[in-house]
Amino acid sequence: MEFRGTTICAVKKDGITAIAGDGQVTMGESVIFKNTAIKVRRIYGGKVILGFAGSVTDAFALTERFEGMLNKFAGNLMRSAVELAELWRNDKVGRKLDAMMITADENTLLILSGTGEVIEPDEGVCAIGSGGNYALAAARALYQETDYDAPTIAKKALKIASEICVFTNDNIRLETVGKALNADTPPAKTKKRASKEA
């Protein structure tokens, strides 16, 4: 039986990036093995945050290798991700990992896969894992239609996913990185909900 950790959602808005993850680990397709797993954490002295989904063993291997690259390249997130991806493309790692990871520092938000892809998501919103599509849809709607900050959007999107996806629960852990924009810095443009006409 394989153990799988599920949904992670990330939102980058107004200088803050938030990554939220649920606590469910599933054994196979039918057994909830754990409800309080920690799939979101800080690394590299707290300057980088990440969340993982997929096979638990592979996710830990991906995280460990990525952390090694961060140490090697002095915390340069993009370079570390690209160098890790190159290891897979050059077949130096040996096998593909059945896991994905979202990682961020104060400037960059990336999705990394165990097959060697590095993706910088559009609009600063992304999600991975079994409930990823539900969380992504919810996060995009909240980002575009409300004035919520990044942590609130990530948490609410994951809560919505937990109400739809059986592989996602509402035991949510959240980490943030970055600095909120000051009053002199114009906020990112967001669409406001149109009021209903009578």
N, C-alpha and C. Protein backbone atom coordinates (compact mmCIF):
# COMPACT_ATOMS: atom_id res chain seq x y z
N MET A 1 0.84 -1.20 0.00
CA MET A 1 0.00 0.00 0.00
C MET A 1 0.87 1.25 0.00
N GLU A 2 0.43 2.23 -0.74
CA GLU A 2 1.16 3.48 -0.81
C GLU A 2 0.45 4.54 0.02
N PHE A 3 1.24 5.35 0.72
CA PHE A 3 0.71 6.46 1.50
C PHE A 3 0.80 7.72 0.67
N ARG A 4 -0.30 8.47 0.60
CA ARG A 4 -0.32 9.69 -0.21
C ARG A 4 -0.77 10.87 0.63
N GLY A 5 0.00 11.98 0.52
CA GLY A 5 -0.39 13.24 1.13
C GLY A 5 -1.06 14.07 0.06
N THR A 6 -2.11 14.80 0.42
CA THR A 6 -2.87 15.47 -0.63
C THR A 6 -2.76 16.99 -0.59
N THR A 7 -3.80 17.70 -0.74
CA THR A 7 -3.91 19.05 -1.31
C THR A 7 -3.07 20.15 -0.69
N ILE A 8 -2.42 20.91 -1.59
CA ILE A 8 -1.64 22.10 -1.23
C ILE A 8 -2.11 23.24 -2.12
N CYS A 9 -2.28 24.44 -1.54
CA CYS A 9 -2.70 25.62 -2.29
C CYS A 9 -1.79 26.79 -1.93
N ALA A 10 -1.37 27.56 -2.93
CA ALA A 10 -0.50 28.72 -2.69
C ALA A 10 -1.06 29.95 -3.37
N VAL A 11 -0.90 31.09 -2.70
CA VAL A 11 -1.37 32.37 -3.23
C VAL A 11 -0.31 33.42 -2.95
N LYS A 12 0.03 34.19 -3.98
CA LYS A 12 0.98 35.31 -3.86
C LYS A 12 0.21 36.59 -4.17
N LYS A 13 0.17 37.49 -3.17
CA LYS A 13 -0.60 38.72 -3.35
C LYS A 13 -0.06 39.82 -2.44
N ASP A 14 0.12 41.01 -2.99
CA ASP A 14 0.52 42.20 -2.22
C ASP A 14 1.77 41.97 -1.37
N GLY A 15 2.76 41.27 -1.94
CA GLY A 15 4.03 41.09 -1.26
C GLY A 15 4.12 39.91 -0.33
N ILE A 16 3.01 39.21 -0.11
CA ILE A 16 2.98 38.04 0.78
C ILE A 16 2.63 36.80 -0.05
N THR A 17 3.36 35.71 0.20
CA THR A 17 3.01 34.41 -0.38
C THR A 17 2.61 33.48 0.75
N ALA A 18 1.47 32.83 0.60
CA ALA A 18 0.97 31.88 1.58
C ALA A 18 0.85 30.51 0.94
N ILE A 19 1.30 29.49 1.65
CA ILE A 19 1.10 28.11 1.21
C ILE A 19 0.33 27.39 2.32
N ALA A 20 -0.79 26.77 1.93
CA ALA A 20 -1.63 26.05 2.89
C ALA A 20 -1.72 24.59 2.47
N GLY A 21 -1.76 23.70 3.45
CA GLY A 21 -1.89 22.28 3.17
C GLY A 21 -2.81 21.62 4.18
N ASP A 22 -3.51 20.59 3.75
CA ASP A 22 -4.38 19.87 4.67
C ASP A 22 -3.56 18.82 5.41
N GLY A 23 -4.18 18.12 6.34
CA GLY A 23 -3.45 17.17 7.17
C GLY A 23 -3.70 15.71 6.88
N GLN A 24 -4.43 15.41 5.79
CA GLN A 24 -4.82 14.03 5.54
C GLN A 24 -3.76 13.24 4.78
N VAL A 25 -3.48 12.05 5.25
CA VAL A 25 -2.66 11.08 4.53
C VAL A 25 -3.53 9.86 4.30
N THR A 26 -3.60 9.43 3.04
CA THR A 26 -4.47 8.32 2.67
C THR A 26 -3.63 7.10 2.32
N MET A 27 -4.05 5.95 2.79
CA MET A 27 -3.39 4.69 2.44
C MET A 27 -4.22 4.03 1.35
N GLY A 28 -3.63 3.90 0.18
CA GLY A 28 -4.38 3.37 -0.95
C GLY A 28 -5.47 4.34 -1.37
N GLU A 29 -6.61 3.78 -1.77
CA GLU A 29 -7.72 4.61 -2.25
C GLU A 29 -8.86 4.71 -1.25
N SER A 30 -8.75 4.01 -0.11
CA SER A 30 -9.95 3.93 0.73
C SER A 30 -9.74 4.12 2.23
N VAL A 31 -8.50 4.25 2.69
CA VAL A 31 -8.27 4.34 4.13
C VAL A 31 -7.58 5.65 4.49
N ILE A 32 -8.21 6.41 5.41
CA ILE A 32 -7.55 7.60 5.93
C ILE A 32 -6.57 7.12 6.99
N PHE A 33 -5.30 7.33 6.77
CA PHE A 33 -4.27 6.82 7.65
C PHE A 33 -3.91 7.82 8.75
N LYS A 34 -3.96 9.12 8.41
CA LYS A 34 -3.61 10.16 9.38
C LYS A 34 -4.35 11.44 9.02
N ASN A 35 -4.80 12.18 10.03
CA ASN A 35 -5.53 13.43 9.81
C ASN A 35 -4.72 14.67 10.13
N THR A 36 -3.56 14.51 10.77
CA THR A 36 -2.82 15.67 11.27
C THR A 36 -1.40 15.76 10.72
N ALA A 37 -1.19 15.25 9.52
CA ALA A 37 0.15 15.32 8.92
C ALA A 37 0.52 16.76 8.61
N ILE A 38 1.81 17.06 8.70
CA ILE A 38 2.31 18.40 8.38
C ILE A 38 2.99 18.33 7.02
N LYS A 39 2.34 18.95 6.03
CA LYS A 39 2.84 18.91 4.65
C LYS A 39 3.30 20.28 4.17
N VAL A 40 3.26 21.25 5.05
CA VAL A 40 3.74 22.60 4.74
C VAL A 40 4.76 22.96 5.80
N ARG A 41 5.92 23.46 5.36
CA ARG A 41 6.95 23.81 6.35
C ARG A 41 7.91 24.85 5.81
N ARG A 42 8.74 25.34 6.74
CA ARG A 42 9.78 26.31 6.41
C ARG A 42 11.11 25.59 6.31
N ILE A 43 11.94 26.02 5.34
CA ILE A 43 13.29 25.50 5.21
C ILE A 43 14.24 26.66 4.97
N TYR A 44 15.51 26.37 4.88
CA TYR A 44 16.55 27.35 4.61
C TYR A 44 16.45 28.54 5.57
N GLY A 45 16.49 28.23 6.84
CA GLY A 45 16.47 29.27 7.87
C GLY A 45 15.18 30.07 7.92
N GLY A 46 14.08 29.48 7.45
CA GLY A 46 12.79 30.16 7.47
C GLY A 46 12.56 31.08 6.29
N LYS A 47 13.52 31.17 5.36
CA LYS A 47 13.39 32.08 4.21
C LYS A 47 12.61 31.48 3.05
N VAL A 48 12.42 30.17 3.08
CA VAL A 48 11.70 29.47 2.01
C VAL A 48 10.61 28.62 2.65
N ILE A 49 9.43 28.62 2.02
CA ILE A 49 8.35 27.77 2.48
C ILE A 49 8.00 26.78 1.38
N LEU A 50 7.47 25.62 1.78
CA LEU A 50 7.09 24.64 0.76
C LEU A 50 5.97 23.76 1.28
N GLY A 51 5.25 23.19 0.33
CA GLY A 51 4.22 22.21 0.63
C GLY A 51 4.30 21.11 -0.40
N PHE A 52 4.02 19.86 0.00
CA PHE A 52 4.15 18.75 -0.93
C PHE A 52 2.90 17.89 -0.98
N ALA A 53 2.72 17.23 -2.13
CA ALA A 53 1.62 16.30 -2.32
C ALA A 53 2.13 15.12 -3.13
N GLY A 54 1.45 14.00 -3.00
CA GLY A 54 1.85 12.80 -3.74
C GLY A 54 2.28 11.71 -2.79
N SER A 55 3.05 10.77 -3.30
CA SER A 55 3.57 9.69 -2.47
C SER A 55 4.40 10.30 -1.35
N VAL A 56 4.11 9.94 -0.12
CA VAL A 56 4.77 10.56 1.04
C VAL A 56 6.28 10.34 0.99
N THR A 57 6.72 9.12 0.71
CA THR A 57 8.14 8.82 0.65
C THR A 57 8.82 9.64 -0.44
N ASP A 58 8.20 9.70 -1.62
CA ASP A 58 8.77 10.47 -2.72
C ASP A 58 8.77 11.96 -2.42
N ALA A 59 7.73 12.43 -1.74
CA ALA A 59 7.66 13.85 -1.39
C ALA A 59 8.79 14.24 -0.45
N PHE A 60 9.08 13.36 0.53
CA PHE A 60 10.20 13.65 1.43
C PHE A 60 11.53 13.64 0.68
N ALA A 61 11.68 12.70 -0.26
CA ALA A 61 12.91 12.64 -1.07
C ALA A 61 13.07 13.90 -1.91
N LEU A 62 11.97 14.36 -2.54
CA LEU A 62 12.01 15.57 -3.36
C LEU A 62 12.36 16.78 -2.50
N THR A 63 11.76 16.88 -1.32
CA THR A 63 12.02 17.99 -0.41
C THR A 63 13.48 18.00 0.04
N GLU A 64 13.98 16.83 0.39
CA GLU A 64 15.37 16.73 0.85
C GLU A 64 16.36 17.13 -0.24
N ARG A 65 16.11 16.68 -1.46
CA ARG A 65 17.01 17.04 -2.57
C ARG A 65 16.94 18.53 -2.89
N PHE A 66 15.72 19.07 -2.81
CA PHE A 66 15.57 20.51 -3.09
C PHE A 66 16.28 21.33 -2.01
N GLU A 67 16.14 20.93 -0.76
CA GLU A 67 16.81 21.65 0.32
C GLU A 67 18.33 21.61 0.14
N GLY A 68 18.84 20.47 -0.33
CA GLY A 68 20.27 20.37 -0.63
C GLY A 68 20.70 21.36 -1.70
N MET A 69 19.88 21.52 -2.72
CA MET A 69 20.19 22.49 -3.79
C MET A 69 20.15 23.92 -3.26
N LEU A 70 19.18 24.22 -2.39
CA LEU A 70 19.13 25.56 -1.80
C LEU A 70 20.41 25.88 -1.04
N ASN A 71 20.89 24.91 -0.28
CA ASN A 71 22.15 25.11 0.46
C ASN A 71 23.32 25.29 -0.50
N LYS A 72 23.33 24.53 -1.57
CA LYS A 72 24.42 24.60 -2.55
C LYS A 72 24.44 25.94 -3.27
N PHE A 73 23.25 26.50 -3.57
CA PHE A 73 23.18 27.74 -4.34
C PHE A 73 22.74 28.94 -3.50
N ALA A 74 23.11 28.93 -2.24
CA ALA A 74 22.93 30.07 -1.33
C ALA A 74 21.50 30.62 -1.30
N GLY A 75 20.52 29.71 -1.35
CA GLY A 75 19.14 30.13 -1.22
C GLY A 75 18.49 30.65 -2.47
N ASN A 76 19.17 30.60 -3.62
CA ASN A 76 18.59 31.06 -4.88
C ASN A 76 17.53 30.05 -5.32
N LEU A 77 16.26 30.40 -5.13
CA LEU A 77 15.15 29.48 -5.35
C LEU A 77 15.07 29.00 -6.79
N MET A 78 15.09 29.91 -7.74
CA MET A 78 14.95 29.54 -9.15
C MET A 78 16.12 28.67 -9.60
N ARG A 79 17.33 29.06 -9.26
CA ARG A 79 18.51 28.27 -9.68
C ARG A 79 18.47 26.88 -9.06
N SER A 80 18.09 26.81 -7.79
CA SER A 80 18.01 25.52 -7.11
C SER A 80 16.99 24.61 -7.79
N ALA A 81 15.84 25.17 -8.16
CA ALA A 81 14.79 24.39 -8.83
C ALA A 81 15.25 23.91 -10.19
N VAL A 82 15.88 24.78 -10.96
CA VAL A 82 16.34 24.41 -12.30
C VAL A 82 17.44 23.35 -12.23
N GLU A 83 18.36 23.50 -11.30
CA GLU A 83 19.44 22.51 -11.15
C GLU A 83 18.88 21.15 -10.74
N LEU A 84 17.88 21.15 -9.86
CA LEU A 84 17.25 19.90 -9.47
C LEU A 84 16.56 19.25 -10.67
N ALA A 85 15.87 20.05 -11.46
CA ALA A 85 15.20 19.53 -12.66
C ALA A 85 16.21 18.95 -13.65
N GLU A 86 17.36 19.59 -13.76
CA GLU A 86 18.41 19.09 -14.66
C GLU A 86 18.91 17.72 -14.25
N LEU A 87 18.95 17.45 -12.95
CA LEU A 87 19.35 16.12 -12.49
C LEU A 87 18.43 15.05 -13.05
N TRP A 88 17.13 15.34 -13.05
CA TRP A 88 16.19 14.36 -13.61
C TRP A 88 16.36 14.25 -15.12
N ARG A 89 16.50 15.37 -15.80
CA ARG A 89 16.62 15.31 -17.26
C ARG A 89 17.88 14.58 -17.69
N ASN A 90 18.93 14.68 -16.89
CA ASN A 90 20.18 13.98 -17.20
C ASN A 90 20.23 12.58 -16.61
N ASP A 91 19.12 12.16 -15.96
CA ASP A 91 19.00 10.82 -15.39
C ASP A 91 20.01 10.51 -14.29
N LYS A 92 20.49 11.52 -13.60
CA LYS A 92 21.45 11.30 -12.53
C LYS A 92 20.79 10.90 -11.22
N VAL A 93 19.50 11.13 -11.10
CA VAL A 93 18.81 10.83 -9.86
C VAL A 93 18.37 9.37 -9.81
N GLY A 94 18.21 8.75 -10.94
CA GLY A 94 17.89 7.32 -10.96
C GLY A 94 16.46 7.01 -11.32
N ARG A 95 15.49 7.58 -10.60
CA ARG A 95 14.10 7.29 -10.90
C ARG A 95 13.25 8.54 -10.74
N LYS A 96 12.10 8.50 -11.33
CA LYS A 96 11.16 9.61 -11.20
C LYS A 96 10.43 9.48 -9.87
N LEU A 97 10.14 10.61 -9.26
CA LEU A 97 9.44 10.62 -7.99
C LEU A 97 7.97 10.96 -8.21
N ASP A 98 7.08 10.23 -7.55
CA ASP A 98 5.64 10.44 -7.68
C ASP A 98 5.21 11.48 -6.64
N ALA A 99 5.66 12.72 -6.86
CA ALA A 99 5.35 13.79 -5.91
C ALA A 99 5.45 15.13 -6.62
N MET A 100 4.80 16.12 -6.04
CA MET A 100 4.91 17.50 -6.51
C MET A 100 5.10 18.39 -5.29
N MET A 101 5.65 19.56 -5.54
CA MET A 101 5.93 20.48 -4.44
C MET A 101 5.68 21.91 -4.92
N ILE A 102 5.10 22.72 -4.05
CA ILE A 102 5.03 24.16 -4.29
C ILE A 102 6.01 24.79 -3.31
N THR A 103 6.82 25.70 -3.82
CA THR A 103 7.79 26.36 -2.96
C THR A 103 7.84 27.85 -3.27
N ALA A 104 8.23 28.63 -2.28
CA ALA A 104 8.27 30.09 -2.46
C ALA A 104 9.27 30.72 -1.52
N ASP A 105 9.87 31.82 -2.00
CA ASP A 105 10.58 32.73 -1.13
C ASP A 105 9.87 34.07 -1.25
N GLU A 106 10.48 35.15 -0.79
CA GLU A 106 9.75 36.42 -0.80
C GLU A 106 9.53 36.98 -2.21
N ASN A 107 10.23 36.44 -3.22
CA ASN A 107 10.09 36.96 -4.58
C ASN A 107 9.47 35.99 -5.57
N THR A 108 9.62 34.70 -5.37
CA THR A 108 9.31 33.71 -6.40
C THR A 108 8.39 32.62 -5.86
N LEU A 109 7.46 32.19 -6.70
CA LEU A 109 6.57 31.08 -6.40
C LEU A 109 6.72 30.05 -7.51
N LEU A 110 7.00 28.78 -7.16
CA LEU A 110 7.25 27.74 -8.15
C LEU A 110 6.53 26.45 -7.81
N ILE A 111 6.20 25.68 -8.86
CA ILE A 111 5.76 24.31 -8.72
C ILE A 111 6.88 23.43 -9.25
N LEU A 112 7.28 22.41 -8.47
CA LEU A 112 8.28 21.44 -8.90
C LEU A 112 7.65 20.07 -8.90
N SER A 113 8.00 19.27 -9.90
CA SER A 113 7.49 17.90 -9.92
C SER A 113 8.65 16.93 -9.80
N GLY A 114 8.33 15.71 -9.42
CA GLY A 114 9.33 14.66 -9.31
C GLY A 114 9.76 14.11 -10.65
N THR A 115 9.22 14.66 -11.72
CA THR A 115 9.64 14.25 -13.06
C THR A 115 10.50 15.31 -13.74
N GLY A 116 10.82 16.36 -13.00
CA GLY A 116 11.77 17.34 -13.52
C GLY A 116 11.19 18.60 -14.12
N GLU A 117 9.92 18.90 -13.89
CA GLU A 117 9.35 20.15 -14.39
C GLU A 117 9.43 21.24 -13.33
N VAL A 118 9.66 22.47 -13.79
CA VAL A 118 9.64 23.66 -12.93
C VAL A 118 8.67 24.63 -13.59
N ILE A 119 7.63 25.02 -12.85
CA ILE A 119 6.60 25.89 -13.42
C ILE A 119 6.40 27.09 -12.51
N GLU A 120 6.42 28.28 -13.11
CA GLU A 120 6.07 29.50 -12.38
C GLU A 120 4.61 29.79 -12.71
N PRO A 121 3.70 29.65 -11.74
CA PRO A 121 2.27 29.74 -12.05
C PRO A 121 1.83 31.14 -12.46
N ASP A 122 0.77 31.17 -13.29
CA ASP A 122 0.17 32.43 -13.70
C ASP A 122 -0.59 33.05 -12.54
N GLU A 123 -0.62 34.35 -12.50
CA GLU A 123 -1.44 35.12 -11.56
C GLU A 123 -1.14 34.84 -10.09
N GLY A 124 -0.05 34.18 -9.77
CA GLY A 124 0.31 33.97 -8.37
C GLY A 124 -0.61 33.07 -7.60
N VAL A 125 -1.30 32.15 -8.28
CA VAL A 125 -2.21 31.21 -7.62
C VAL A 125 -1.94 29.83 -8.19
N CYS A 126 -1.77 28.82 -7.32
CA CYS A 126 -1.58 27.46 -7.80
C CYS A 126 -2.00 26.46 -6.73
N ALA A 127 -2.22 25.22 -7.14
CA ALA A 127 -2.58 24.16 -6.21
C ALA A 127 -2.18 22.83 -6.82
N ILE A 128 -1.86 21.86 -5.95
CA ILE A 128 -1.48 20.52 -6.38
C ILE A 128 -2.16 19.49 -5.50
N GLY A 129 -2.12 18.24 -5.92
CA GLY A 129 -2.66 17.16 -5.11
C GLY A 129 -4.06 16.76 -5.53
N SER A 130 -4.63 15.82 -4.81
CA SER A 130 -5.93 15.25 -5.16
C SER A 130 -7.03 16.30 -5.22
N GLY A 131 -7.04 17.23 -4.29
CA GLY A 131 -8.04 18.29 -4.28
C GLY A 131 -7.54 19.57 -4.92
N GLY A 132 -6.44 19.48 -5.64
CA GLY A 132 -5.81 20.67 -6.22
C GLY A 132 -6.68 21.46 -7.16
N ASN A 133 -7.44 20.78 -8.01
CA ASN A 133 -8.29 21.51 -8.96
C ASN A 133 -9.40 22.27 -8.25
N TYR A 134 -9.95 21.67 -7.19
CA TYR A 134 -11.00 22.36 -6.42
C TYR A 134 -10.40 23.59 -5.71
N ALA A 135 -9.25 23.40 -5.08
CA ALA A 135 -8.60 24.50 -4.37
C ALA A 135 -8.19 25.60 -5.33
N LEU A 136 -7.69 25.21 -6.51
CA LEU A 136 -7.27 26.21 -7.51
C LEU A 136 -8.45 27.05 -7.99
N ALA A 137 -9.55 26.40 -8.30
CA ALA A 137 -10.75 27.13 -8.75
C ALA A 137 -11.24 28.09 -7.67
N ALA A 138 -11.28 27.62 -6.43
CA ALA A 138 -11.73 28.47 -5.33
C ALA A 138 -10.78 29.64 -5.12
N ALA A 139 -9.48 29.36 -5.15
CA ALA A 139 -8.48 30.42 -4.91
C ALA A 139 -8.53 31.48 -6.00
N ARG A 140 -8.68 31.06 -7.24
CA ARG A 140 -8.76 32.03 -8.34
C ARG A 140 -9.99 32.93 -8.19
N ALA A 141 -11.11 32.33 -7.85
CA ALA A 141 -12.33 33.12 -7.66
C ALA A 141 -12.17 34.11 -6.51
N LEU A 142 -11.63 33.64 -5.39
CA LEU A 142 -11.44 34.52 -4.24
C LEU A 142 -10.43 35.62 -4.55
N TYR A 143 -9.39 35.29 -5.29
CA TYR A 143 -8.36 36.27 -5.67
C TYR A 143 -8.95 37.37 -6.54
N GLN A 144 -9.76 36.97 -7.51
CA GLN A 144 -10.30 37.92 -8.47
C GLN A 144 -11.51 38.70 -7.96
N GLU A 145 -12.28 38.10 -7.07
CA GLU A 145 -13.56 38.69 -6.71
C GLU A 145 -13.65 39.26 -5.30
N THR A 146 -12.57 39.14 -4.52
CA THR A 146 -12.60 39.66 -3.15
C THR A 146 -11.35 40.48 -2.87
N ASP A 147 -11.33 41.10 -1.72
CA ASP A 147 -10.15 41.84 -1.27
C ASP A 147 -9.38 41.08 -0.20
N TYR A 148 -9.62 39.78 -0.06
CA TYR A 148 -8.91 38.97 0.92
C TYR A 148 -7.41 38.98 0.66
N ASP A 149 -6.63 38.85 1.74
CA ASP A 149 -5.18 38.75 1.59
C ASP A 149 -4.80 37.31 1.24
N ALA A 150 -3.52 37.10 0.91
CA ALA A 150 -3.04 35.80 0.46
C ALA A 150 -3.32 34.67 1.46
N PRO A 151 -2.99 34.84 2.76
CA PRO A 151 -3.27 33.75 3.70
C PRO A 151 -4.75 33.38 3.78
N THR A 152 -5.62 34.38 3.76
CA THR A 152 -7.05 34.11 3.85
C THR A 152 -7.54 33.35 2.63
N ILE A 153 -7.09 33.77 1.45
CA ILE A 153 -7.49 33.08 0.21
C ILE A 153 -7.03 31.62 0.23
N ALA A 154 -5.76 31.39 0.57
CA ALA A 154 -5.22 30.03 0.57
C ALA A 154 -5.99 29.14 1.54
N LYS A 155 -6.26 29.66 2.72
CA LYS A 155 -6.97 28.88 3.75
C LYS A 155 -8.41 28.59 3.34
N LYS A 156 -9.13 29.62 2.85
CA LYS A 156 -10.52 29.43 2.44
C LYS A 156 -10.62 28.48 1.24
N ALA A 157 -9.68 28.58 0.30
CA ALA A 157 -9.69 27.70 -0.87
C ALA A 157 -9.50 26.25 -0.46
N LEU A 158 -8.60 26.02 0.48
CA LEU A 158 -8.36 24.66 0.96
C LEU A 158 -9.57 24.13 1.73
N LYS A 159 -10.20 24.99 2.49
CA LYS A 159 -11.42 24.60 3.23
C LYS A 159 -12.51 24.18 2.24
N ILE A 160 -12.67 24.93 1.16
CA ILE A 160 -13.66 24.59 0.13
C ILE A 160 -13.30 23.24 -0.50
N ALA A 161 -12.03 23.03 -0.83
CA ALA A 161 -11.60 21.75 -1.41
C ALA A 161 -11.90 20.59 -0.46
N SER A 162 -11.73 20.82 0.85
CA SER A 162 -11.97 19.75 1.83
C SER A 162 -13.44 19.35 1.89
N GLU A 163 -14.32 20.25 1.48
CA GLU A 163 -15.75 19.95 1.48
C GLU A 163 -16.19 19.20 0.24
N ILE A 164 -15.28 19.10 -0.76
CA ILE A 164 -15.60 18.44 -2.03
C ILE A 164 -14.80 17.16 -2.22
N CYS A 165 -13.51 17.21 -1.90
CA CYS A 165 -12.59 16.10 -2.17
C CYS A 165 -12.46 15.18 -0.96
N VAL A 166 -12.70 13.89 -1.16
CA VAL A 166 -12.61 12.94 -0.04
C VAL A 166 -11.18 12.69 0.40
N PHE A 167 -10.19 13.11 -0.39
CA PHE A 167 -8.79 12.92 -0.03
C PHE A 167 -8.19 14.17 0.63
N THR A 168 -9.04 15.12 1.00
CA THR A 168 -8.60 16.38 1.61
C THR A 168 -9.42 16.63 2.87
N ASN A 169 -8.74 17.04 3.96
CA ASN A 169 -9.51 17.37 5.16
C ASN A 169 -9.33 18.85 5.51
N ASP A 170 -9.99 19.28 6.58
CA ASP A 170 -9.96 20.70 6.95
C ASP A 170 -9.01 20.98 8.11
N ASN A 171 -8.05 20.10 8.35
CA ASN A 171 -6.99 20.35 9.33
C ASN A 171 -5.87 21.08 8.58
N ILE A 172 -6.00 22.40 8.49
CA ILE A 172 -5.16 23.21 7.58
C ILE A 172 -3.98 23.84 8.32
N ARG A 173 -2.82 23.69 7.72
CA ARG A 173 -1.60 24.35 8.22
C ARG A 173 -1.17 25.35 7.16
N LEU A 174 -0.74 26.53 7.59
CA LEU A 174 -0.40 27.60 6.66
C LEU A 174 0.92 28.25 7.07
N GLU A 175 1.74 28.53 6.07
CA GLU A 175 2.98 29.28 6.28
C GLU A 175 3.00 30.44 5.30
N THR A 176 3.62 31.55 5.71
CA THR A 176 3.73 32.71 4.83
C THR A 176 5.18 33.17 4.75
N VAL A 177 5.47 33.88 3.67
CA VAL A 177 6.79 34.47 3.48
C VAL A 177 6.59 35.78 2.72
N GLY A 178 7.49 36.74 2.96
CA GLY A 178 7.40 38.03 2.27
C GLY A 178 7.05 39.15 3.22
N LYS A 179 6.93 40.31 2.66
CA LYS A 179 6.60 41.50 3.44
C LYS A 179 5.41 42.19 2.79
N ALA A 180 4.44 42.55 3.61
CA ALA A 180 3.28 43.27 3.09
C ALA A 180 3.71 44.59 2.51
N LEU A 181 3.07 44.97 1.43
CA LEU A 181 3.38 46.26 0.81
C LEU A 181 2.97 47.38 1.75
N ASN A 182 3.78 48.44 1.79
CA ASN A 182 3.42 49.56 2.66
C ASN A 182 2.37 50.42 2.00
N ALA A 183 1.88 51.40 2.74
CA ALA A 183 0.78 52.24 2.26
C ALA A 183 1.15 53.04 1.01
N ASP A 184 2.44 53.32 0.79
CA ASP A 184 2.85 54.08 -0.38
C ASP A 184 2.90 53.23 -1.66
N THR A 185 2.89 51.91 -1.49
CA THR A 185 2.96 51.02 -2.64
C THR A 185 1.56 50.69 -3.09
N PRO A 186 1.26 50.90 -4.38
CA PRO A 186 -0.10 50.59 -4.83
C PRO A 186 -0.37 49.09 -4.76
N PRO A 187 -1.56 48.68 -4.27
CA PRO A 187 -1.90 47.26 -4.19
C PRO A 187 -2.12 46.66 -5.57
N ALA A 188 -2.02 45.34 -5.65
CA ALA A 188 -2.31 44.65 -6.90
C ALA A 188 -3.77 44.87 -7.25
N LYS A 189 -4.05 44.98 -8.54
CA LYS A 189 -5.43 45.20 -8.97
C LYS A 189 -6.24 43.94 -8.76
N THR A 190 -7.40 44.12 -8.15
CA THR A 190 -8.33 43.00 -8.00
C THR A 190 -9.71 43.46 -8.45
N LYS A 191 -10.41 42.55 -9.07
CA LYS A 191 -11.77 42.88 -9.50
C LYS A 191 -12.69 42.77 -8.31
N LYS A 192 -13.58 43.71 -8.19
CA LYS A 192 -14.55 43.67 -7.10
C LYS A 192 -15.86 43.10 -7.62
N ARG A 193 -16.57 42.46 -6.73
CA ARG A 193 -17.85 41.87 -7.07
C ARG A 193 -18.83 42.96 -7.48
N ALA A 194 -19.47 42.76 -8.61
CA ALA A 194 -20.47 43.74 -9.05
C ALA A 194 -21.70 43.62 -8.20
N SER A 195 -22.26 44.76 -7.79
CA SER A 195 -23.46 44.71 -6.96
C SER A 195 -24.66 44.35 -7.84
N LYS A 196 -25.58 43.61 -7.27
CA LYS A 196 -26.78 43.20 -8.02
C LYS A 196 -27.72 44.38 -8.13
N GLU A 197 -28.26 44.55 -9.33
CA GLU A 197 -29.23 45.63 -9.52
C GLU A 197 -30.62 45.08 -9.23
N ALA A 198 -31.44 45.92 -8.62
CA ALA A 198 -32.81 45.50 -8.27
C ALA A 198 -33.70 45.49 -9.48
